[in-house]
Amino acid sequence: MKRVLFVCVENANRSQMAEAFAHLYGGDGIEAQSAGSRPSGQINPKAVRFMAELGYDLNRHASKSLDQVEGAFDAVITMGCGDSCPWVPATRREDWNLPDPKHMDDEGYRAVRDDIGARVKQLLESL
């Protein structure tokens, strides 16, 4: 089983959606987690709403800190946390330069969601 970790600042938008897509596309062969460098403690309602459009319930996720993540990963993907993303053991590391959609309108938010979905699908196919 491959382990993948998605990291952003608040673990409320981008990394939560990436984890969700990994669950959707990865099946039993992927263990996906997400965390934040400064977690907000809650999932953004927009993320919940826009993932629900795709049939995924983000309400079962929790916003958590990187301190709660253990072990090594096959891939660690960071999104916008820059120097505040601590080192996590991983075979593969990537930084996806994605804007934080939390203040975007619905169209912009969906565009970021769809971009994340495409990137996650490509990542999982390459592991």
C-alpha atoms as a PDB file:
ATOM      1  CA  MET A   1       0.000   0.000   0.000  1.00  0.00           C
ATOM      2  CA  LYS A   2       1.288   3.461  -0.917  1.00  0.00           C
ATOM      3  CA  ARG A   3       1.129   6.267   1.661  1.00  0.00           C
ATOM      4  CA  VAL A   4       0.451   9.834   0.510  1.00  0.00           C
ATOM      5  CA  LEU A   5       0.322  13.016   2.592  1.00  0.00           C
ATOM      6  CA  PHE A   6      -1.085  16.352   1.433  1.00  0.00           C
ATOM      7  CA  VAL A   7      -0.043  19.455   3.372  1.00  0.00           C
ATOM      8  CA  CYS A   8      -1.246  23.061   3.294  1.00  0.00           C
ATOM      9  CA  VAL A   9      -1.397  25.787   5.931  1.00  0.00           C
ATOM     10  CA  GLU A  10      -4.843  25.375   7.511  1.00  0.00           C
ATOM     11  CA  ASN A  11      -5.737  21.833   6.377  1.00  0.00           C
ATOM     12  CA  ALA A  12      -9.168  23.248   5.632  1.00  0.00           C
ATOM     13  CA  ASN A  13      -9.368  23.519   1.829  1.00  0.00           C
ATOM     14  CA  ARG A  14      -6.723  22.306  -0.655  1.00  0.00           C
ATOM     15  CA  SER A  15      -5.140  19.467   1.307  1.00  0.00           C
ATOM     16  CA  GLN A  16      -8.540  18.224   2.466  1.00  0.00           C
ATOM     17  CA  MET A  17      -9.823  18.070  -1.111  1.00  0.00           C
ATOM     18  CA  ALA A  18      -6.598  16.357  -2.249  1.00  0.00           C
ATOM     19  CA  GLU A  19      -7.003  13.710   0.459  1.00  0.00           C
ATOM     20  CA  ALA A  20     -10.604  13.214  -0.631  1.00  0.00           C
ATOM     21  CA  PHE A  21      -9.600  12.752  -4.273  1.00  0.00           C
ATOM     22  CA  ALA A  22      -6.933  10.247  -3.221  1.00  0.00           C
ATOM     23  CA  HIS A  23      -9.618   8.257  -1.412  1.00  0.00           C
ATOM     24  CA  LEU A  24     -11.879   8.484  -4.467  1.00  0.00           C
ATOM     25  CA  TYR A  25      -9.233   7.524  -7.025  1.00  0.00           C
ATOM     26  CA  GLY A  26      -6.818   5.410  -4.956  1.00  0.00           C
ATOM     27  CA  GLY A  27      -9.073   2.708  -3.593  1.00  0.00           C
ATOM     28  CA  ASP A  28      -7.557   0.176  -1.232  1.00  0.00           C
ATOM     29  CA  GLY A  29      -4.059   0.663  -2.655  1.00  0.00           C
ATOM     30  CA  ILE A  30      -3.606   4.157  -1.203  1.00  0.00           C
ATOM     31  CA  GLU A  31      -3.476   5.397   2.366  1.00  0.00           C
ATOM     32  CA  ALA A  32      -4.135   9.135   2.078  1.00  0.00           C
ATOM     33  CA  GLN A  33      -3.815  11.704   4.826  1.00  0.00           C
ATOM     34  CA  SER A  34      -3.736  15.482   5.032  1.00  0.00           C
ATOM     35  CA  ALA A  35      -2.451  17.933   7.602  1.00  0.00           C
ATOM     36  CA  GLY A  36      -1.683  21.608   8.097  1.00  0.00           C
ATOM     37  CA  SER A  37       1.298  23.611   9.289  1.00  0.00           C
ATOM     38  CA  ARG A  38      -1.144  25.849  11.232  1.00  0.00           C
ATOM     39  CA  PRO A  39      -4.419  23.883  11.139  1.00  0.00           C
ATOM     40  CA  SER A  40      -7.637  25.857  11.466  1.00  0.00           C
ATOM     41  CA  GLY A  41      -9.364  23.022  13.290  1.00  0.00           C
ATOM     42  CA  GLN A  42     -12.286  22.979  10.878  1.00  0.00           C
ATOM     43  CA  ILE A  43     -13.004  22.151   7.267  1.00  0.00           C
ATOM     44  CA  ASN A  44     -14.086  25.126   5.163  1.00  0.00           C
ATOM     45  CA  PRO A  45     -17.831  24.816   4.412  1.00  0.00           C
ATOM     46  CA  LYS A  46     -17.073  25.627   0.761  1.00  0.00           C
ATOM     47  CA  ALA A  47     -14.781  22.593   0.551  1.00  0.00           C
ATOM     48  CA  VAL A  48     -17.533  20.461   2.060  1.00  0.00           C
ATOM     49  CA  ARG A  49     -20.103  21.843  -0.372  1.00  0.00           C
ATOM     50  CA  PHE A  50     -17.986  21.527  -3.503  1.00  0.00           C
ATOM     51  CA  MET A  51     -16.778  18.004  -2.708  1.00  0.00           C
ATOM     52  CA  ALA A  52     -20.405  17.045  -2.011  1.00  0.00           C
ATOM     53  CA  GLU A  53     -21.127  18.019  -5.618  1.00  0.00           C
ATOM     54  CA  LEU A  54     -18.858  15.106  -6.550  1.00  0.00           C
ATOM     55  CA  GLY A  55     -20.476  12.735  -4.080  1.00  0.00           C
ATOM     56  CA  TYR A  56     -17.791  12.937  -1.376  1.00  0.00           C
ATOM     57  CA  ASP A  57     -18.647  13.796   2.233  1.00  0.00           C
ATOM     58  CA  LEU A  58     -15.834  15.916   3.690  1.00  0.00           C
ATOM     59  CA  ASN A  59     -17.704  16.127   7.002  1.00  0.00           C
ATOM     60  CA  ARG A  60     -16.028  12.864   7.986  1.00  0.00           C
ATOM     61  CA  HIS A  61     -12.578  14.532   7.778  1.00  0.00           C
ATOM     62  CA  ALA A  62     -10.902  16.544  10.543  1.00  0.00           C
ATOM     63  CA  SER A  63      -8.453  19.438  10.232  1.00  0.00           C
ATOM     64  CA  LYS A  64      -5.267  18.317  11.928  1.00  0.00           C
ATOM     65  CA  SER A  65      -1.676  19.316  12.578  1.00  0.00           C
ATOM     66  CA  LEU A  66       1.438  17.828  11.065  1.00  0.00           C
ATOM     67  CA  ASP A  67       2.339  16.906  14.644  1.00  0.00           C
ATOM     68  CA  GLN A  68      -0.398  14.277  14.444  1.00  0.00           C
ATOM     69  CA  VAL A  69       1.158  12.580  11.402  1.00  0.00           C
ATOM     70  CA  GLU A  70       3.577   9.709  11.885  1.00  0.00           C
ATOM     71  CA  GLY A  71       5.839   7.603   9.734  1.00  0.00           C
ATOM     72  CA  ALA A  72       7.285   7.874   6.273  1.00  0.00           C
ATOM     73  CA  PHE A  73       5.344   8.422   3.053  1.00  0.00           C
ATOM     74  CA  ASP A  74       5.752   7.433  -0.573  1.00  0.00           C
ATOM     75  CA  ALA A  75       4.765  10.983  -1.557  1.00  0.00           C
ATOM     76  CA  VAL A  76       4.358  14.253   0.321  1.00  0.00           C
ATOM     77  CA  ILE A  77       2.630  17.054  -1.557  1.00  0.00           C
ATOM     78  CA  THR A  78       2.775  20.576  -0.160  1.00  0.00           C
ATOM     79  CA  MET A  79       0.484  23.379  -1.271  1.00  0.00           C
ATOM     80  CA  GLY A  80       1.390  26.896  -0.329  1.00  0.00           C
ATOM     81  CA  CYS A  81       2.902  26.480   3.114  1.00  0.00           C
ATOM     82  CA  GLY A  82       6.436  27.296   1.932  1.00  0.00           C
ATOM     83  CA  ASP A  83       9.003  27.419   4.707  1.00  0.00           C
ATOM     84  CA  SER A  84       6.383  26.656   7.323  1.00  0.00           C
ATOM     85  CA  CYS A  85       6.035  23.087   5.986  1.00  0.00           C
ATOM     86  CA  PRO A  86       8.297  20.972   8.199  1.00  0.00           C
ATOM     87  CA  TRP A  87      10.216  18.079   6.793  1.00  0.00           C
ATOM     88  CA  VAL A  88       8.296  14.808   6.619  1.00  0.00           C
ATOM     89  CA  PRO A  89      10.078  11.620   5.500  1.00  0.00           C
ATOM     90  CA  ALA A  90       9.062  10.773   1.936  1.00  0.00           C
ATOM     91  CA  THR A  91      10.373   9.025  -1.147  1.00  0.00           C
ATOM     92  CA  ARG A  92       8.892  11.715  -3.358  1.00  0.00           C
ATOM     93  CA  ARG A  93       8.209  15.365  -2.584  1.00  0.00           C
ATOM     94  CA  GLU A  94       6.372  17.913  -4.688  1.00  0.00           C
ATOM     95  CA  ASP A  95       5.080  21.421  -4.140  1.00  0.00           C
ATOM     96  CA  TRP A  96       1.920  22.179  -6.054  1.00  0.00           C
ATOM     97  CA  ASN A  97       1.681  25.912  -6.600  1.00  0.00           C
ATOM     98  CA  LEU A  98      -2.071  26.195  -6.108  1.00  0.00           C
ATOM     99  CA  PRO A  99      -3.891  29.304  -4.899  1.00  0.00           C
ATOM    100  CA  ASP A 100      -5.838  29.097  -1.658  1.00  0.00           C
ATOM    101  CA  PRO A 101      -9.471  29.099  -2.819  1.00  0.00           C
ATOM    102  CA  LYS A 102     -11.057  30.030   0.517  1.00  0.00           C
ATOM    103  CA  HIS A 103     -11.973  33.577  -0.567  1.00  0.00           C
ATOM    104  CA  MET A 104     -12.746  32.744  -4.200  1.00  0.00           C
ATOM    105  CA  ASP A 105     -16.185  32.814  -5.754  1.00  0.00           C
ATOM    106  CA  ASP A 106     -17.880  29.517  -6.582  1.00  0.00           C
ATOM    107  CA  GLU A 107     -16.461  29.310 -10.091  1.00  0.00           C
ATOM    108  CA  GLY A 108     -12.912  29.955  -8.888  1.00  0.00           C
ATOM    109  CA  TYR A 109     -13.262  27.472  -6.057  1.00  0.00           C
ATOM    110  CA  ARG A 110     -14.501  24.756  -8.397  1.00  0.00           C
ATOM    111  CA  ALA A 111     -11.587  25.448 -10.755  1.00  0.00           C
ATOM    112  CA  VAL A 112      -9.074  24.880  -7.931  1.00  0.00           C
ATOM    113  CA  ARG A 113     -10.997  21.753  -6.825  1.00  0.00           C
ATOM    114  CA  ASP A 114     -10.917  20.346 -10.346  1.00  0.00           C
ATOM    115  CA  ASP A 115      -7.210  21.160 -10.724  1.00  0.00           C
ATOM    116  CA  ILE A 116      -6.483  19.310  -7.487  1.00  0.00           C
ATOM    117  CA  GLY A 117      -8.518  16.333  -8.676  1.00  0.00           C
ATOM    118  CA  ALA A 118      -6.584  16.114 -11.940  1.00  0.00           C
ATOM    119  CA  ARG A 119      -3.236  16.421 -10.153  1.00  0.00           C
ATOM    120  CA  VAL A 120      -4.130  13.737  -7.597  1.00  0.00           C
ATOM    121  CA  LYS A 121      -5.234  11.358 -10.347  1.00  0.00           C
ATOM    122  CA  GLN A 122      -1.952  11.898 -12.186  1.00  0.00           C
ATOM    123  CA  LEU A 123       0.064  11.494  -8.973  1.00  0.00           C
ATOM    124  CA  LEU A 124      -1.597   8.209  -8.076  1.00  0.00           C
ATOM    125  CA  GLU A 125      -1.075   6.836 -11.572  1.00  0.00           C
ATOM    126  CA  SER A 126       2.648   7.588 -11.278  1.00  0.00           C
ATOM    127  CA  LEU A 127       3.241   5.952  -7.875  1.00  0.00           C
END
